[in-house]
Amino acid sequence: MVCPLPWIPPDCSGKLPGKRRSAVCSVQRRWGGTPMRRIAVTGAAGLIGRKLLDHLAADPEIEEVVALDLRDPEIAAEKVRFVRHDVREPMGEIFREHGVDAAVHLAFLVDPSYDREREREINVGGTQRFLEACDAVGVGAALLASSATVYGAWPDNPPLIPEDYPLRGKPGFPYVEDKLELEAMAARYGDEHPGCRVLLIRPTVVMGPRMDNYLSRFFLRPVAFRIAGANPPVPVVHEDDVAEATWRILKEAPAGPYNLNSGEGVPLLEALAMMGRKVIPLPAGLLKALAGAAWALHLRALSEVPPAMTDYIRWPWTADGTRVERETSFRYRFTARAAMESFVRR
């Protein structure tokens, strides 16, 4: 049975903490079971979704891929079956009809929205519907897309954050709040379903020639504001590496979370220089106040995000992305700079 919403998880000791629990606390089982045959993918028409479908369609062990989205991903592969579906609606019957034995949940609103109710219905409610469907058919593997932003940006973060580090994402940034709730739900589901291999991916800033979201658009603004004296590394991973890693994790990895990040990142000032942007330094308090005013007044030309996001260009939050290479056959093909350069050259 899927836990009701909202649910605040205990930490690994069973206490209700101020720091969120990491899903790495759940029992982790090395994968060596029966190959998966029928895979469902929510958010299949998104950039990473389409790239993942290509990997799944080319895998000879997979018989059918059920692509769920409101838009047709338009993948010309015989084994891919498109099902038009709103992630806020139950999907158990779809899973049952297609004999789904593994599932991937990518459907999520990335760009911040002023309609918080709808945002939560899609992000949190959609995750609930996904896990209910997994429960209904007893999938052997469930992979959910989280984000490295769940670690939070803090001055005391280690240079490379491992997967078992506390999740300290700050309130005030709905995207991060919803990813933390997704993490909690995934951890609870894994505890309640020991026969299911529950997996999480935590990508950093996804870059590439086709990427378009609020994070990538920050680097395209003619004028970029930064916090005076701050030059944290920008953790970056290429869109192609994210898709391939997701496929490899689904096929090969033991249960638990996996950071997706290429190396130590690119210093913020260097990243902005690569884009050829004019940079204006401001005191931290002033920049946060301006971002808050722009967000409140819907001035997207100045800021697309709530003011809490300014911490991510002030403090480090670089994830250690090496576990996926230890646990699977995946190897990063792009360094952080190469991923950033592919975005610049597009």
C-alpha atoms as a PDB file:
ATOM      1  CA  MET A   1       0.000   0.000   0.000  1.00  0.00           C
ATOM      2  CA  VAL A   2       1.361   3.429  -0.907  1.00  0.00           C
ATOM      3  CA  CYS A   3       1.767   5.898   1.946  1.00  0.00           C
ATOM      4  CA  PRO A   4      -0.751   8.745   2.119  1.00  0.00           C
ATOM      5  CA  LEU A   5       0.283  12.336   1.451  1.00  0.00           C
ATOM      6  CA  PRO A   6       1.788  14.334   2.927  1.00  0.00           C
ATOM      7  CA  TRP A   7       4.367  12.076   4.584  1.00  0.00           C
ATOM      8  CA  ILE A   8       7.482  13.298   6.437  1.00  0.00           C
ATOM      9  CA  PRO A   9       9.937  10.416   6.739  1.00  0.00           C
ATOM     10  CA  PRO A  10      11.978   9.504   9.793  1.00  0.00           C
ATOM     11  CA  ASP A  11      15.746   9.482   9.594  1.00  0.00           C
ATOM     12  CA  CYS A  12      17.627   6.182   9.626  1.00  0.00           C
ATOM     13  CA  SER A  13      17.284   5.915  13.397  1.00  0.00           C
ATOM     14  CA  GLY A  14      13.494   6.130  13.170  1.00  0.00           C
ATOM     15  CA  LYS A  15      13.235   9.650  14.606  1.00  0.00           C
ATOM     16  CA  LEU A  16      11.506  12.610  13.017  1.00  0.00           C
ATOM     17  CA  PRO A  17      14.390  14.939  12.138  1.00  0.00           C
ATOM     18  CA  GLY A  18      15.097  18.364  10.759  1.00  0.00           C
ATOM     19  CA  LYS A  19      17.271  16.737   8.108  1.00  0.00           C
ATOM     20  CA  ARG A  20      15.513  14.602   5.549  1.00  0.00           C
ATOM     21  CA  ARG A  21      16.211  10.951   5.236  1.00  0.00           C
ATOM     22  CA  SER A  22      18.185   9.677   2.263  1.00  0.00           C
ATOM     23  CA  ALA A  23      16.763   6.720   0.382  1.00  0.00           C
ATOM     24  CA  VAL A  24      20.174   5.064   0.733  1.00  0.00           C
ATOM     25  CA  CYS A  25      18.979   4.096   4.235  1.00  0.00           C
ATOM     26  CA  SER A  26      16.606   1.584   2.670  1.00  0.00           C
ATOM     27  CA  VAL A  27      17.758  -1.988   2.196  1.00  0.00           C
ATOM     28  CA  GLN A  28      19.951  -2.145  -0.896  1.00  0.00           C
ATOM     29  CA  ARG A  29      19.986  -5.320  -2.942  1.00  0.00           C
ATOM     30  CA  ARG A  30      22.472  -6.107  -5.675  1.00  0.00           C
ATOM     31  CA  TRP A  31      20.635  -6.824  -8.889  1.00  0.00           C
ATOM     32  CA  GLY A  32      21.061 -10.214 -10.490  1.00  0.00           C
ATOM     33  CA  GLY A  33      17.518 -11.284 -11.239  1.00  0.00           C
ATOM     34  CA  THR A  34      15.400 -12.023 -14.262  1.00  0.00           C
ATOM     35  CA  PRO A  35      15.808  -9.557 -17.160  1.00  0.00           C
ATOM     36  CA  MET A  36      13.010  -7.035 -17.485  1.00  0.00           C
ATOM     37  CA  ARG A  37      10.747  -7.433 -20.511  1.00  0.00           C
ATOM     38  CA  ARG A  38       8.045  -4.753 -20.395  1.00  0.00           C
ATOM     39  CA  ILE A  39       8.947  -1.273 -19.218  1.00  0.00           C
ATOM     40  CA  ALA A  40       6.629   1.681 -18.562  1.00  0.00           C
ATOM     41  CA  VAL A  41       8.037   5.219 -18.757  1.00  0.00           C
ATOM     42  CA  THR A  42       6.142   8.304 -17.571  1.00  0.00           C
ATOM     43  CA  GLY A  43       7.150  11.683 -18.972  1.00  0.00           C
ATOM     44  CA  ALA A  44       8.240   9.829 -22.093  1.00  0.00           C
ATOM     45  CA  ALA A  45       7.935  12.841 -24.412  1.00  0.00           C
ATOM     46  CA  GLY A  46      10.475  14.924 -22.501  1.00  0.00           C
ATOM     47  CA  LEU A  47      14.058  15.225 -23.700  1.00  0.00           C
ATOM     48  CA  ILE A  48      15.489  12.603 -21.338  1.00  0.00           C
ATOM     49  CA  GLY A  49      12.399  10.447 -21.820  1.00  0.00           C
ATOM     50  CA  ARG A  50      12.837  10.293 -25.596  1.00  0.00           C
ATOM     51  CA  LYS A  51      16.531   9.511 -25.289  1.00  0.00           C
ATOM     52  CA  LEU A  52      15.775   6.777 -22.753  1.00  0.00           C
ATOM     53  CA  LEU A  53      13.168   5.287 -25.101  1.00  0.00           C
ATOM     54  CA  ASP A  54      15.859   5.013 -27.774  1.00  0.00           C
ATOM     55  CA  HIS A  55      18.065   2.986 -25.405  1.00  0.00           C
ATOM     56  CA  LEU A  56      15.198   0.764 -24.296  1.00  0.00           C
ATOM     57  CA  ALA A  57      13.979   0.202 -27.858  1.00  0.00           C
ATOM     58  CA  ALA A  58      17.469  -0.896 -28.920  1.00  0.00           C
ATOM     59  CA  ASP A  59      17.802  -3.350 -26.018  1.00  0.00           C
ATOM     60  CA  PRO A  60      17.163  -6.888 -27.354  1.00  0.00           C
ATOM     61  CA  GLU A  61      16.085  -8.133 -23.911  1.00  0.00           C
ATOM     62  CA  ILE A  62      13.154  -5.714 -23.784  1.00  0.00           C
ATOM     63  CA  GLU A  63       9.972  -6.734 -25.574  1.00  0.00           C
ATOM     64  CA  GLU A  64       7.784  -3.662 -25.095  1.00  0.00           C
ATOM     65  CA  VAL A  65       8.140  -0.094 -23.861  1.00  0.00           C
ATOM     66  CA  VAL A  66       4.967   1.679 -22.742  1.00  0.00           C
ATOM     67  CA  ALA A  67       5.481   5.424 -23.230  1.00  0.00           C
ATOM     68  CA  LEU A  68       3.063   7.471 -21.096  1.00  0.00           C
ATOM     69  CA  ASP A  69       2.665  11.198 -21.700  1.00  0.00           C
ATOM     70  CA  LEU A  70       0.212  13.790 -22.952  1.00  0.00           C
ATOM     71  CA  ARG A  71       2.369  14.234 -26.064  1.00  0.00           C
ATOM     72  CA  ASP A  72       3.493  11.538 -28.452  1.00  0.00           C
ATOM     73  CA  PRO A  73       7.280  11.097 -28.093  1.00  0.00           C
ATOM     74  CA  GLU A  74       7.299  10.122 -31.788  1.00  0.00           C
ATOM     75  CA  ILE A  75       9.818   7.312 -31.467  1.00  0.00           C
ATOM     76  CA  ALA A  76       9.858   5.212 -34.630  1.00  0.00           C
ATOM     77  CA  ALA A  77      10.407   1.858 -32.948  1.00  0.00           C
ATOM     78  CA  GLU A  78       8.011  -1.055 -33.222  1.00  0.00           C
ATOM     79  CA  LYS A  79       8.310  -2.084 -29.580  1.00  0.00           C
ATOM     80  CA  VAL A  80       7.425   1.408 -28.247  1.00  0.00           C
ATOM     81  CA  ARG A  81       3.707   1.806 -27.497  1.00  0.00           C
ATOM     82  CA  PHE A  82       2.496   5.352 -26.864  1.00  0.00           C
ATOM     83  CA  VAL A  83      -0.360   5.744 -24.358  1.00  0.00           C
ATOM     84  CA  ARG A  84      -1.749   9.260 -23.970  1.00  0.00           C
ATOM     85  CA  HIS A  85      -2.050   9.705 -20.221  1.00  0.00           C
ATOM     86  CA  ASP A  86      -2.155  12.451 -17.606  1.00  0.00           C
ATOM     87  CA  VAL A  87       0.154  11.448 -14.762  1.00  0.00           C
ATOM     88  CA  ARG A  88      -2.367  12.803 -12.251  1.00  0.00           C
ATOM     89  CA  GLU A  89      -4.750   9.982 -13.197  1.00  0.00           C
ATOM     90  CA  PRO A  90      -4.448   6.332 -12.064  1.00  0.00           C
ATOM     91  CA  MET A  91      -2.281   4.205 -14.333  1.00  0.00           C
ATOM     92  CA  GLY A  92      -2.559   0.779 -12.725  1.00  0.00           C
ATOM     93  CA  GLU A  93      -4.843  -0.559 -15.465  1.00  0.00           C
ATOM     94  CA  ILE A  94      -2.369   0.559 -18.127  1.00  0.00           C
ATOM     95  CA  PHE A  95       0.431  -1.268 -16.330  1.00  0.00           C
ATOM     96  CA  ARG A  96      -1.738  -4.353 -15.950  1.00  0.00           C
ATOM     97  CA  GLU A  97      -2.918  -4.344 -19.574  1.00  0.00           C
ATOM     98  CA  HIS A  98       0.659  -4.267 -20.878  1.00  0.00           C
ATOM     99  CA  GLY A  99       2.110  -6.666 -18.324  1.00  0.00           C
ATOM    100  CA  VAL A 100       4.579  -4.076 -17.032  1.00  0.00           C
ATOM    101  CA  ASP A 101       7.339  -5.589 -14.892  1.00  0.00           C
ATOM    102  CA  ALA A 102       9.533  -2.482 -14.441  1.00  0.00           C
ATOM    103  CA  ALA A 103       8.774   1.231 -14.542  1.00  0.00           C
ATOM    104  CA  VAL A 104      10.518   4.611 -14.806  1.00  0.00           C
ATOM    105  CA  HIS A 105       9.011   7.841 -13.478  1.00  0.00           C
ATOM    106  CA  LEU A 106      10.293  10.956 -15.260  1.00  0.00           C
ATOM    107  CA  ALA A 107       7.089  13.041 -15.317  1.00  0.00           C
ATOM    108  CA  PHE A 108       7.723  16.204 -13.289  1.00  0.00           C
ATOM    109  CA  LEU A 109       7.357  19.947 -13.719  1.00  0.00           C
ATOM    110  CA  VAL A 110      10.896  21.310 -13.778  1.00  0.00           C
ATOM    111  CA  ASP A 111      10.232  24.980 -14.479  1.00  0.00           C
ATOM    112  CA  PRO A 112       8.781  26.799 -11.438  1.00  0.00           C
ATOM    113  CA  SER A 113       5.060  27.522 -11.635  1.00  0.00           C
ATOM    114  CA  TYR A 114       2.819  30.106 -10.000  1.00  0.00           C
ATOM    115  CA  ASP A 115       0.040  27.505  -9.849  1.00  0.00           C
ATOM    116  CA  ARG A 116       1.288  25.643  -6.789  1.00  0.00           C
ATOM    117  CA  GLU A 117      -1.777  23.404  -6.512  1.00  0.00           C
ATOM    118  CA  ARG A 118      -1.374  22.117 -10.064  1.00  0.00           C
ATOM    119  CA  GLU A 119       2.382  21.796  -9.570  1.00  0.00           C
ATOM    120  CA  ARG A 120       1.904  19.544  -6.548  1.00  0.00           C
ATOM    121  CA  GLU A 121      -0.813  17.532  -8.283  1.00  0.00           C
ATOM    122  CA  ILE A 122       1.641  16.694 -11.059  1.00  0.00           C
ATOM    123  CA  ASN A 123       4.846  16.337  -9.055  1.00  0.00           C
ATOM    124  CA  VAL A 124       3.654  14.751  -5.820  1.00  0.00           C
ATOM    125  CA  GLY A 125       0.290  13.365  -6.905  1.00  0.00           C
ATOM    126  CA  GLY A 126       1.841  11.973 -10.086  1.00  0.00           C
ATOM    127  CA  THR A 127       4.495  10.188  -8.043  1.00  0.00           C
ATOM    128  CA  GLN A 128       1.766   8.733  -5.844  1.00  0.00           C
ATOM    129  CA  ARG A 129      -0.142   7.474  -8.903  1.00  0.00           C
ATOM    130  CA  PHE A 130       3.060   5.949 -10.294  1.00  0.00           C
ATOM    131  CA  LEU A 131       3.832   4.058  -7.091  1.00  0.00           C
ATOM    132  CA  GLU A 132       0.228   2.898  -6.803  1.00  0.00           C
ATOM    133  CA  ALA A 133       0.522   1.432 -10.306  1.00  0.00           C
ATOM    134  CA  CYS A 134       3.817  -0.246  -9.408  1.00  0.00           C
ATOM    135  CA  ASP A 135       2.142  -1.721  -6.345  1.00  0.00           C
ATOM    136  CA  ALA A 136      -0.884  -2.874  -8.341  1.00  0.00           C
ATOM    137  CA  VAL A 137       1.149  -5.074 -10.693  1.00  0.00           C
ATOM    138  CA  GLY A 138       4.092  -5.866  -8.424  1.00  0.00           C
ATOM    139  CA  VAL A 139       6.899  -4.499 -10.583  1.00  0.00           C
ATOM    140  CA  GLY A 140      10.362  -5.850  -9.914  1.00  0.00           C
ATOM    141  CA  ALA A 141      12.044  -2.482 -10.435  1.00  0.00           C
ATOM    142  CA  ALA A 142      10.902   1.120 -10.063  1.00  0.00           C
ATOM    143  CA  LEU A 143      13.191   4.019 -10.994  1.00  0.00           C
ATOM    144  CA  LEU A 144      12.278   7.596 -10.070  1.00  0.00           C
ATOM    145  CA  ALA A 145      13.988  10.801 -11.175  1.00  0.00           C
ATOM    146  CA  SER A 146      14.999  12.990  -8.245  1.00  0.00           C
ATOM    147  CA  SER A 147      17.609  15.774  -8.326  1.00  0.00           C
ATOM    148  CA  ALA A 148      20.917  16.651  -6.685  1.00  0.00           C
ATOM    149  CA  THR A 149      19.239  19.856  -5.509  1.00  0.00           C
ATOM    150  CA  VAL A 150      17.801  17.782  -2.632  1.00  0.00           C
ATOM    151  CA  TYR A 151      21.181  18.029  -0.880  1.00  0.00           C
ATOM    152  CA  GLY A 152      20.750  21.774  -0.615  1.00  0.00           C
ATOM    153  CA  ALA A 153      23.430  24.403  -1.227  1.00  0.00           C
ATOM    154  CA  TRP A 154      25.360  24.986   1.999  1.00  0.00           C
ATOM    155  CA  PRO A 155      28.777  26.402   2.917  1.00  0.00           C
ATOM    156  CA  ASP A 156      29.651  23.198   4.826  1.00  0.00           C
ATOM    157  CA  ASN A 157      28.844  20.776   2.000  1.00  0.00           C
ATOM    158  CA  PRO A 158      31.761  18.470   1.109  1.00  0.00           C
ATOM    159  CA  PRO A 159      33.500  19.045  -2.251  1.00  0.00           C
ATOM    160  CA  LEU A 160      31.751  15.953  -3.625  1.00  0.00           C
ATOM    161  CA  ILE A 161      28.494  14.929  -1.942  1.00  0.00           C
ATOM    162  CA  PRO A 162      27.939  11.148  -1.684  1.00  0.00           C
ATOM    163  CA  GLU A 163      24.539   9.512  -1.953  1.00  0.00           C
ATOM    164  CA  ASP A 164      24.294   8.784   1.780  1.00  0.00           C
ATOM    165  CA  TYR A 165      24.736  12.448   2.746  1.00  0.00           C
ATOM    166  CA  PRO A 166      21.757  14.093   4.533  1.00  0.00           C
ATOM    167  CA  LEU A 167      19.163  15.675   2.265  1.00  0.00           C
ATOM    168  CA  ARG A 168      19.127  19.323   3.340  1.00  0.00           C
ATOM    169  CA  GLY A 169      17.221  21.046   0.575  1.00  0.00           C
ATOM    170  CA  LYS A 170      15.741  24.274   1.934  1.00  0.00           C
ATOM    171  CA  PRO A 171      12.033  25.112   1.989  1.00  0.00           C
ATOM    172  CA  GLY A 172      10.878  27.961  -0.207  1.00  0.00           C
ATOM    173  CA  PHE A 173      11.824  26.347  -3.513  1.00  0.00           C
ATOM    174  CA  PRO A 174       8.824  24.216  -4.598  1.00  0.00           C
ATOM    175  CA  TYR A 175      10.831  22.096  -7.062  1.00  0.00           C
ATOM    176  CA  VAL A 176      13.188  21.011  -4.286  1.00  0.00           C
ATOM    177  CA  GLU A 177      10.330  20.518  -1.817  1.00  0.00           C
ATOM    178  CA  ASP A 178       8.572  18.201  -4.271  1.00  0.00           C
ATOM    179  CA  LYS A 179      11.750  16.243  -5.030  1.00  0.00           C
ATOM    180  CA  LEU A 180      12.276  15.739  -1.294  1.00  0.00           C
ATOM    181  CA  GLU A 181       8.752  14.398  -1.028  1.00  0.00           C
ATOM    182  CA  LEU A 182       9.385  12.098  -3.989  1.00  0.00           C
ATOM    183  CA  GLU A 183      12.499  10.810  -2.198  1.00  0.00           C
ATOM    184  CA  ALA A 184      10.498  10.146   0.959  1.00  0.00           C
ATOM    185  CA  MET A 185       7.797   8.278  -0.925  1.00  0.00           C
ATOM    186  CA  ALA A 186      10.372   6.182  -2.794  1.00  0.00           C
ATOM    187  CA  ALA A 187      12.165   5.273   0.445  1.00  0.00           C
ATOM    188  CA  ARG A 188       8.898   4.262   2.094  1.00  0.00           C
ATOM    189  CA  TYR A 189       7.842   2.229  -0.940  1.00  0.00           C
ATOM    190  CA  GLY A 190      11.169   0.392  -0.947  1.00  0.00           C
ATOM    191  CA  ASP A 191      10.826  -0.445   2.745  1.00  0.00           C
ATOM    192  CA  GLU A 192       7.289  -1.757   2.229  1.00  0.00           C
ATOM    193  CA  HIS A 193       8.131  -3.698  -0.958  1.00  0.00           C
ATOM    194  CA  PRO A 194      11.348  -5.652  -0.328  1.00  0.00           C
ATOM    195  CA  GLY A 195      10.792  -7.570  -3.562  1.00  0.00           C
ATOM    196  CA  CYS A 196      11.012  -4.383  -5.619  1.00  0.00           C
ATOM    197  CA  ARG A 197      14.334  -2.824  -6.581  1.00  0.00           C
ATOM    198  CA  VAL A 198      13.671   0.878  -5.952  1.00  0.00           C
ATOM    199  CA  LEU A 199      16.121   3.205  -7.703  1.00  0.00           C
ATOM    200  CA  LEU A 200      16.611   6.978  -7.684  1.00  0.00           C
ATOM    201  CA  ILE A 201      18.650   9.165 -10.003  1.00  0.00           C
ATOM    202  CA  ARG A 202      19.905  12.543  -8.764  1.00  0.00           C
ATOM    203  CA  PRO A 203      21.248  14.508 -11.738  1.00  0.00           C
ATOM    204  CA  THR A 204      22.889  17.886 -11.271  1.00  0.00           C
ATOM    205  CA  VAL A 205      22.542  20.648 -13.916  1.00  0.00           C
ATOM    206  CA  VAL A 206      21.708  18.816 -17.134  1.00  0.00           C
ATOM    207  CA  MET A 207      23.300  20.458 -20.162  1.00  0.00           C
ATOM    208  CA  GLY A 208      23.427  19.677 -23.867  1.00  0.00           C
ATOM    209  CA  PRO A 209      22.460  21.006 -27.274  1.00  0.00           C
ATOM    210  CA  ARG A 210      18.735  20.390 -26.754  1.00  0.00           C
ATOM    211  CA  MET A 211      18.316  21.232 -23.072  1.00  0.00           C
ATOM    212  CA  ASP A 212      15.846  24.015 -22.252  1.00  0.00           C
ATOM    213  CA  ASN A 213      14.768  24.705 -18.680  1.00  0.00           C
ATOM    214  CA  TYR A 214      15.113  27.436 -16.067  1.00  0.00           C
ATOM    215  CA  LEU A 215      18.632  26.295 -15.131  1.00  0.00           C
ATOM    216  CA  SER A 216      19.952  26.286 -18.693  1.00  0.00           C
ATOM    217  CA  ARG A 217      18.197  29.573 -19.481  1.00  0.00           C
ATOM    218  CA  PHE A 218      20.002  31.240 -16.569  1.00  0.00           C
ATOM    219  CA  PHE A 219      23.184  30.992 -18.624  1.00  0.00           C
ATOM    220  CA  LEU A 220      21.504  32.475 -21.705  1.00  0.00           C
ATOM    221  CA  ARG A 221      20.413  35.750 -20.137  1.00  0.00           C
ATOM    222  CA  PRO A 222      22.187  38.801 -21.636  1.00  0.00           C
ATOM    223  CA  VAL A 223      23.012  39.962 -18.109  1.00  0.00           C
ATOM    224  CA  ALA A 224      23.592  37.532 -15.255  1.00  0.00           C
ATOM    225  CA  PHE A 225      23.485  38.551 -11.619  1.00  0.00           C
ATOM    226  CA  ARG A 226      25.753  36.774  -9.174  1.00  0.00           C
ATOM    227  CA  ILE A 227      26.517  37.085  -5.488  1.00  0.00           C
ATOM    228  CA  ALA A 228      29.597  39.198  -4.853  1.00  0.00           C
ATOM    229  CA  GLY A 229      32.513  37.086  -3.670  1.00  0.00           C
ATOM    230  CA  ALA A 230      30.837  33.792  -4.566  1.00  0.00           C
ATOM    231  CA  ASN A 231      32.179  31.495  -7.268  1.00  0.00           C
ATOM    232  CA  PRO A 232      30.899  27.989  -6.494  1.00  0.00           C
ATOM    233  CA  PRO A 233      31.365  25.139  -8.948  1.00  0.00           C
ATOM    234  CA  VAL A 234      28.400  24.539 -11.232  1.00  0.00           C
ATOM    235  CA  PRO A 235      27.831  20.761 -11.213  1.00  0.00           C
ATOM    236  CA  VAL A 236      27.039  19.628 -14.749  1.00  0.00           C
ATOM    237  CA  VAL A 237      26.082  16.413 -16.533  1.00  0.00           C
ATOM    238  CA  HIS A 238      25.360  15.932 -20.233  1.00  0.00           C
ATOM    239  CA  GLU A 239      21.831  15.047 -21.347  1.00  0.00           C
ATOM    240  CA  ASP A 240      23.098  11.963 -23.219  1.00  0.00           C
ATOM    241  CA  ASP A 241      24.921  10.698 -20.133  1.00  0.00           C
ATOM    242  CA  VAL A 242      21.753  11.097 -18.044  1.00  0.00           C
ATOM    243  CA  ALA A 243      19.713   9.011 -20.481  1.00  0.00           C
ATOM    244  CA  GLU A 244      22.299   6.253 -20.820  1.00  0.00           C
ATOM    245  CA  ALA A 245      22.969   6.137 -17.080  1.00  0.00           C
ATOM    246  CA  THR A 246      19.241   5.833 -16.392  1.00  0.00           C
ATOM    247  CA  TRP A 247      19.051   2.844 -18.728  1.00  0.00           C
ATOM    248  CA  ARG A 248      22.111   1.181 -17.179  1.00  0.00           C
ATOM    249  CA  ILE A 249      20.888   1.792 -13.633  1.00  0.00           C
ATOM    250  CA  LEU A 250      17.503   0.285 -14.455  1.00  0.00           C
ATOM    251  CA  LYS A 251      19.150  -2.805 -15.950  1.00  0.00           C
ATOM    252  CA  GLU A 252      22.132  -3.378 -13.715  1.00  0.00           C
ATOM    253  CA  ALA A 253      22.200  -1.436 -10.457  1.00  0.00           C
ATOM    254  CA  PRO A 254      21.347  -2.494  -6.914  1.00  0.00           C
ATOM    255  CA  ALA A 255      18.603  -0.544  -5.184  1.00  0.00           C
ATOM    256  CA  GLY A 256      19.254   2.952  -3.904  1.00  0.00           C
ATOM    257  CA  PRO A 257      20.076   6.475  -5.113  1.00  0.00           C
ATOM    258  CA  TYR A 258      22.584   7.393  -7.820  1.00  0.00           C
ATOM    259  CA  ASN A 259      24.082  10.833  -8.328  1.00  0.00           C
ATOM    260  CA  LEU A 260      24.605  11.779 -11.969  1.00  0.00           C
ATOM    261  CA  ASN A 261      27.367  14.367 -12.257  1.00  0.00           C
ATOM    262  CA  SER A 262      30.549  14.742 -14.296  1.00  0.00           C
ATOM    263  CA  GLY A 263      33.508  15.490 -12.049  1.00  0.00           C
ATOM    264  CA  GLU A 264      33.969  18.593  -9.940  1.00  0.00           C
ATOM    265  CA  GLY A 265      31.961  21.015 -12.068  1.00  0.00           C
ATOM    266  CA  VAL A 266      32.782  24.332 -13.734  1.00  0.00           C
ATOM    267  CA  PRO A 267      33.357  27.479 -11.622  1.00  0.00           C
ATOM    268  CA  LEU A 268      30.366  29.800 -11.962  1.00  0.00           C
ATOM    269  CA  LEU A 269      32.380  32.710 -13.353  1.00  0.00           C
ATOM    270  CA  GLU A 270      34.030  30.449 -15.918  1.00  0.00           C
ATOM    271  CA  ALA A 271      30.658  29.024 -16.946  1.00  0.00           C
ATOM    272  CA  LEU A 272      29.228  32.514 -17.436  1.00  0.00           C
ATOM    273  CA  ALA A 273      32.338  33.556 -19.374  1.00  0.00           C
ATOM    274  CA  MET A 274      31.874  30.561 -21.684  1.00  0.00           C
ATOM    275  CA  MET A 275      28.434  31.939 -22.481  1.00  0.00           C
ATOM    276  CA  GLY A 276      29.819  35.422 -23.131  1.00  0.00           C
ATOM    277  CA  ARG A 277      27.458  36.996 -20.611  1.00  0.00           C
ATOM    278  CA  LYS A 278      27.858  40.276 -18.769  1.00  0.00           C
ATOM    279  CA  VAL A 279      27.999  39.578 -15.042  1.00  0.00           C
ATOM    280  CA  ILE A 280      26.867  41.995 -12.325  1.00  0.00           C
ATOM    281  CA  PRO A 281      27.883  41.148  -8.732  1.00  0.00           C
ATOM    282  CA  LEU A 282      25.463  42.074  -5.952  1.00  0.00           C
ATOM    283  CA  PRO A 283      25.445  41.534  -2.174  1.00  0.00           C
ATOM    284  CA  ALA A 284      23.700  38.292  -1.230  1.00  0.00           C
ATOM    285  CA  GLY A 285      20.855  39.991   0.629  1.00  0.00           C
ATOM    286  CA  LEU A 286      20.185  42.429  -2.189  1.00  0.00           C
ATOM    287  CA  LEU A 287      20.173  39.735  -4.875  1.00  0.00           C
ATOM    288  CA  LYS A 288      17.789  37.562  -2.853  1.00  0.00           C
ATOM    289  CA  ALA A 289      15.491  40.550  -2.271  1.00  0.00           C
ATOM    290  CA  LEU A 290      15.500  41.436  -5.977  1.00  0.00           C
ATOM    291  CA  ALA A 291      14.830  37.819  -6.928  1.00  0.00           C
ATOM    292  CA  GLY A 292      11.969  37.702  -4.431  1.00  0.00           C
ATOM    293  CA  ALA A 293      10.425  40.893  -5.783  1.00  0.00           C
ATOM    294  CA  ALA A 294      10.784  39.748  -9.395  1.00  0.00           C
ATOM    295  CA  TRP A 295       9.192  36.396  -8.553  1.00  0.00           C
ATOM    296  CA  ALA A 296       6.321  38.002  -6.629  1.00  0.00           C
ATOM    297  CA  LEU A 297       5.626  40.431  -9.482  1.00  0.00           C
ATOM    298  CA  HIS A 298       5.864  37.700 -12.158  1.00  0.00           C
ATOM    299  CA  LEU A 299       8.800  39.481 -13.820  1.00  0.00           C
ATOM    300  CA  ARG A 300      10.228  36.408 -15.531  1.00  0.00           C
ATOM    301  CA  ALA A 301      12.594  38.550 -17.587  1.00  0.00           C
ATOM    302  CA  LEU A 302      14.453  39.196 -14.322  1.00  0.00           C
ATOM    303  CA  SER A 303      13.939  35.918 -12.484  1.00  0.00           C
ATOM    304  CA  GLU A 304      12.177  32.642 -13.290  1.00  0.00           C
ATOM    305  CA  VAL A 305      12.700  31.168  -9.837  1.00  0.00           C
ATOM    306  CA  PRO A 306      11.839  31.844  -6.181  1.00  0.00           C
ATOM    307  CA  PRO A 307      14.543  33.643  -4.154  1.00  0.00           C
ATOM    308  CA  ALA A 308      15.619  30.420  -2.398  1.00  0.00           C
ATOM    309  CA  MET A 309      17.322  29.401  -5.649  1.00  0.00           C
ATOM    310  CA  THR A 310      19.989  32.078  -5.133  1.00  0.00           C
ATOM    311  CA  ASP A 311      21.689  29.798  -2.589  1.00  0.00           C
ATOM    312  CA  TYR A 312      22.581  27.466  -5.474  1.00  0.00           C
ATOM    313  CA  ILE A 313      24.775  30.166  -7.044  1.00  0.00           C
ATOM    314  CA  ARG A 314      26.301  31.051  -3.680  1.00  0.00           C
ATOM    315  CA  TRP A 315      27.209  27.763  -1.995  1.00  0.00           C
ATOM    316  CA  PRO A 316      28.489  24.421  -3.355  1.00  0.00           C
ATOM    317  CA  TRP A 317      26.231  21.438  -4.053  1.00  0.00           C
ATOM    318  CA  THR A 318      28.399  19.254  -6.298  1.00  0.00           C
ATOM    319  CA  ALA A 319      27.377  15.607  -6.146  1.00  0.00           C
ATOM    320  CA  ASP A 320      29.812  12.697  -6.325  1.00  0.00           C
ATOM    321  CA  GLY A 321      28.730  10.933  -9.509  1.00  0.00           C
ATOM    322  CA  THR A 322      31.070   7.937  -9.329  1.00  0.00           C
ATOM    323  CA  ARG A 323      28.828   5.334  -7.703  1.00  0.00           C
ATOM    324  CA  VAL A 324      27.002   4.630 -10.953  1.00  0.00           C
ATOM    325  CA  GLU A 325      30.328   3.727 -12.588  1.00  0.00           C
ATOM    326  CA  ARG A 326      31.197   1.364  -9.734  1.00  0.00           C
ATOM    327  CA  GLU A 327      27.843  -0.406  -9.758  1.00  0.00           C
ATOM    328  CA  THR A 328      27.099  -0.590 -13.503  1.00  0.00           C
ATOM    329  CA  SER A 329      28.839  -0.698 -16.887  1.00  0.00           C
ATOM    330  CA  PHE A 330      28.015   2.981 -17.491  1.00  0.00           C
ATOM    331  CA  ARG A 331      30.887   5.411 -18.097  1.00  0.00           C
ATOM    332  CA  TYR A 332      30.521   9.167 -18.499  1.00  0.00           C
ATOM    333  CA  ARG A 333      31.296  10.282 -22.041  1.00  0.00           C
ATOM    334  CA  PHE A 334      31.295  14.030 -21.340  1.00  0.00           C
ATOM    335  CA  THR A 335      33.223  16.080 -18.817  1.00  0.00           C
ATOM    336  CA  ALA A 336      31.428  18.987 -17.161  1.00  0.00           C
ATOM    337  CA  ARG A 337      33.168  21.458 -19.470  1.00  0.00           C
ATOM    338  CA  ALA A 338      32.370  19.388 -22.551  1.00  0.00           C
ATOM    339  CA  ALA A 339      28.714  19.259 -21.526  1.00  0.00           C
ATOM    340  CA  MET A 340      28.687  23.023 -21.014  1.00  0.00           C
ATOM    341  CA  GLU A 341      30.440  23.590 -24.347  1.00  0.00           C
ATOM    342  CA  SER A 342      27.875  21.452 -26.171  1.00  0.00           C
ATOM    343  CA  PHE A 343      25.202  23.779 -24.797  1.00  0.00           C
ATOM    344  CA  VAL A 344      27.162  26.874 -25.868  1.00  0.00           C
ATOM    345  CA  ARG A 345      27.675  25.600 -29.431  1.00  0.00           C
ATOM    346  CA  ARG A 346      24.054  24.664 -30.065  1.00  0.00           C
END
